[in-house]
């Protein structure tokens, strides 16, 4: 098997394990592989992303496949988005990740999350999310902003400004608060509201 194929299968396995580790209701890797739409959308994105970058001729098929996956899972991820390792999309329905979004490693997103733009211009228009970030249900992170490593975004927050490493952003509009105590990295950011 080609080296990049081996790495691809390792990546898919890591996605499975991240979902199992992130969801206390998950009992087995088989259950996660068969029944978790967040994992299915992520796996399909990994294929679409490779197509998107392999050839301009594959961009339309990649986009069409991503829309088919959106219809099946309720999760829309543009093939151009860059997603890190061990991303866990919990529940997933209504998640939208735009074309120029960049998501780091070990990130957790809950349902209804949007990594969207604030303009219709070309170029970087979606957020960059650091490593080990937790984004609460219904949160909207908008524009070419940066959310630092180990940050948390509260449920239903609307974040339009940078969030520093280790901070918590809550409210509409999102306001940055320093984290007061050490917290379980998988804790729902709604706890900070």
Protein backbone atom coordinates (compact mmCIF):
# COMPACT_ATOMS: atom_id res chain seq x y z
CA UNK A 1 0.00 0.00 0.00
CA UNK A 2 1.29 3.49 -0.87
CA UNK A 3 2.62 5.55 2.06
CA UNK A 4 0.00 8.30 1.64
CA UNK A 5 -2.74 5.63 1.59
CA UNK A 6 -1.47 4.24 4.89
CA UNK A 7 -1.46 7.74 6.38
CA UNK A 8 -5.01 8.27 5.08
CA UNK A 9 -6.26 5.12 6.84
CA UNK A 10 -4.46 6.18 10.05
CA UNK A 11 -6.24 9.54 9.82
CA UNK A 12 -9.63 7.85 9.43
CA UNK A 13 -8.92 5.62 12.44
CA UNK A 14 -7.96 8.67 14.52
CA UNK A 15 -11.28 10.29 13.56
CA UNK A 16 -13.13 7.23 14.86
CA UNK A 17 -11.20 7.19 18.12
CA UNK A 18 -11.71 10.95 18.64
CA UNK A 19 -15.48 10.51 18.35
CA UNK A 20 -15.46 7.55 20.73
CA UNK A 21 -13.31 9.45 23.24
CA UNK A 22 -15.39 12.63 22.89
CA UNK A 23 -18.83 11.08 23.31
CA UNK A 24 -19.56 9.28 26.57
CA UNK A 25 -22.51 7.56 24.86
CA UNK A 26 -20.27 5.85 22.30
CA UNK A 27 -19.66 2.23 23.20
CA UNK A 28 -17.61 0.81 20.34
CA UNK A 29 -15.65 1.95 17.30
CA UNK A 30 -18.07 -0.06 15.14
CA UNK A 31 -21.02 1.89 16.54
CA UNK A 32 -19.21 5.17 15.80
CA UNK A 33 -18.26 4.05 12.27
CA UNK A 34 -21.81 3.02 11.41
CA UNK A 35 -23.93 5.54 13.30
CA UNK A 36 -22.18 8.90 13.65
CA UNK A 37 -22.99 11.42 10.89
CA UNK A 38 -20.22 13.74 12.11
CA UNK A 39 -17.69 11.01 11.36
CA UNK A 40 -19.31 10.25 7.99
CA UNK A 41 -19.20 13.94 6.99
CA UNK A 42 -15.59 14.22 8.12
CA UNK A 43 -14.53 11.12 6.19
CA UNK A 44 -16.30 12.33 3.06
CA UNK A 45 -14.64 15.73 3.47
CA UNK A 46 -11.23 14.09 3.63
CA UNK A 47 -11.93 12.50 0.23
CA UNK A 48 -13.45 15.70 -1.23
CA UNK A 49 -10.52 17.77 0.03
CA UNK A 50 -8.04 15.47 -1.72
CA UNK A 51 -10.07 15.73 -4.92
CA UNK A 52 -10.27 19.53 -4.59
CA UNK A 53 -6.49 19.83 -4.45
CA UNK A 54 -5.62 17.02 -6.89
CA UNK A 55 -6.85 18.70 -10.06
CA UNK A 56 -9.04 21.63 -11.16
CA UNK A 57 -11.04 19.03 -13.11
CA UNK A 58 -12.02 17.33 -9.85
CA UNK A 59 -13.31 20.47 -8.14
CA UNK A 60 -16.86 20.19 -9.50
CA UNK A 61 -17.18 16.49 -8.56
CA UNK A 62 -15.72 17.29 -5.11
CA UNK A 63 -18.27 20.06 -4.62
CA UNK A 64 -21.15 17.87 -5.78
CA UNK A 65 -20.05 15.03 -3.49
CA UNK A 66 -19.86 17.46 -0.56
CA UNK A 67 -23.44 18.55 -1.27
CA UNK A 68 -24.61 14.94 -1.42
CA UNK A 69 -22.99 14.36 1.97
CA UNK A 70 -24.72 17.52 3.26
CA UNK A 71 -28.06 16.01 2.23
CA UNK A 72 -27.26 12.73 3.97
CA UNK A 73 -25.73 14.08 7.19
CA UNK A 74 -26.99 17.67 7.61
CA UNK A 75 -23.35 18.80 7.80
CA UNK A 76 -21.92 21.09 5.10
CA UNK A 77 -18.15 21.22 4.75
CA UNK A 78 -16.68 22.95 1.71
CA UNK A 79 -14.00 20.78 0.04
CA UNK A 80 -11.52 23.65 0.26
CA UNK A 81 -11.69 23.85 4.07
CA UNK A 82 -8.63 22.56 5.90
CA UNK A 83 -9.50 20.25 8.80
CA UNK A 84 -6.97 19.00 11.33
CA UNK A 85 -6.61 15.60 12.89
CA UNK A 86 -9.03 14.08 15.42
CA UNK A 87 -11.83 16.59 14.80
CA UNK A 88 -15.05 15.52 16.54
CA UNK A 89 -18.37 16.91 15.31
CA UNK A 90 -20.91 15.92 17.97
CA UNK A 91 -24.49 15.41 16.70
CA UNK A 92 -23.53 17.54 13.72
CA UNK A 93 -26.87 18.63 12.30
CA UNK A 94 -26.59 22.16 10.96
CA UNK A 95 -22.78 22.43 11.08
CA UNK A 96 -21.40 24.63 8.28
CA UNK A 97 -17.68 25.02 7.55
CA UNK A 98 -16.75 27.50 4.82
CA UNK A 99 -14.18 27.22 2.04
CA UNK A 100 -11.32 29.17 3.63
CA UNK A 101 -11.83 27.87 7.19
CA UNK A 102 -8.86 26.21 8.85
CA UNK A 103 -9.46 23.94 11.84
CA UNK A 104 -6.64 22.68 14.07
CA UNK A 105 -6.14 19.32 15.75
CA UNK A 106 -8.29 17.82 18.52
CA UNK A 107 -11.15 20.29 18.01
CA UNK A 108 -14.70 19.55 19.21
CA UNK A 109 -17.72 21.16 17.51
CA UNK A 110 -21.29 20.74 18.62
CA UNK A 111 -24.40 20.85 16.40
CA UNK A 112 -25.40 24.09 14.73
CA UNK A 113 -21.84 25.46 14.62
CA UNK A 114 -21.00 27.80 11.74
CA UNK A 115 -17.49 28.70 10.65
CA UNK A 116 -18.66 31.31 8.16
CA UNK A 117 -17.77 34.49 6.37
CA UNK A 118 -18.86 38.09 6.83
CA UNK A 119 -18.24 39.20 3.25
CA UNK A 120 -18.72 37.95 -0.27
CA UNK A 121 -15.19 38.88 -1.39
CA UNK A 122 -12.62 36.43 -2.66
CA UNK A 123 -9.71 35.40 -0.44
CA UNK A 124 -9.56 34.46 3.24
CA UNK A 125 -13.04 35.07 4.68
CA UNK A 126 -13.56 32.26 7.20
CA UNK A 127 -12.05 31.67 10.66
CA UNK A 128 -8.88 29.88 11.66
CA UNK A 129 -9.45 27.64 14.69
CA UNK A 130 -6.49 26.58 16.83
CA UNK A 131 -5.78 23.21 18.44
CA UNK A 132 -7.93 21.75 21.26
CA UNK A 133 -10.72 24.30 20.79
CA UNK A 134 -14.28 23.49 21.87
CA UNK A 135 -17.12 25.24 20.01
CA UNK A 136 -20.52 25.06 21.71
CA UNK A 137 -23.86 24.25 20.11
CA UNK A 138 -25.23 26.95 17.82
CA UNK A 139 -22.10 29.09 17.94
CA UNK A 140 -21.32 31.27 14.93
CA UNK A 141 -17.64 32.09 14.37
CA UNK A 142 -17.55 34.56 11.50
CA UNK A 143 -14.94 36.24 9.36
CA UNK A 144 -11.18 35.85 8.91
CA UNK A 145 -10.53 35.77 12.65
CA UNK A 146 -8.34 33.51 14.77
CA UNK A 147 -9.48 31.42 17.72
CA UNK A 148 -6.39 30.48 19.71
CA UNK A 149 -5.32 27.11 21.03
CA UNK A 150 -7.29 25.73 24.00
CA UNK A 151 -10.01 28.39 23.64
CA UNK A 152 -13.69 27.69 24.14
CA UNK A 153 -16.66 29.27 22.37
CA UNK A 154 -19.91 29.27 24.33
CA UNK A 155 -23.16 27.87 23.02
CA UNK A 156 -24.98 30.33 20.72
CA UNK A 157 -22.12 32.84 20.86
CA UNK A 158 -21.57 35.04 17.82
CA UNK A 159 -17.82 35.56 17.59
CA UNK A 160 -16.50 38.20 15.16
CA UNK A 161 -13.19 39.10 16.85
CA UNK A 162 -10.06 37.09 17.65
CA UNK A 163 -10.12 34.90 20.75
CA UNK A 164 -6.74 34.47 22.51
CA UNK A 165 -5.23 31.15 23.54
CA UNK A 166 -7.00 29.59 26.52
CA UNK A 167 -9.80 32.16 26.65
CA UNK A 168 -13.57 31.69 26.62
CA UNK A 169 -15.85 33.71 24.33
CA UNK A 170 -19.55 33.90 25.18
CA UNK A 171 -22.57 35.99 24.27
CA UNK A 172 -23.86 38.03 21.35
CA UNK A 173 -21.62 39.55 20.31
CA UNK A 174 -18.99 37.22 21.72
CA UNK A 175 -17.03 38.69 24.61
CA UNK A 176 -13.74 37.19 25.73
CA UNK A 177 -13.38 36.02 29.31
CA UNK A 178 -10.36 34.35 30.79
CA UNK A 179 -10.93 30.80 31.94
CA UNK A 180 -11.15 30.82 35.73
CA UNK A 181 -10.33 27.18 36.47
CA UNK A 182 -8.98 24.12 34.75
CA UNK A 183 -11.79 22.41 32.91
CA UNK A 184 -12.33 19.11 31.16
CA UNK A 185 -11.36 19.85 27.50
CA UNK A 186 -14.57 18.19 26.32
CA UNK A 187 -16.81 20.20 28.65
CA UNK A 188 -19.60 22.06 26.87
CA UNK A 189 -18.69 25.77 26.73
CA UNK A 190 -22.28 26.54 27.71
CA UNK A 191 -21.01 25.98 31.25
CA UNK A 192 -19.29 29.38 30.98
CA UNK A 193 -22.41 31.41 30.22
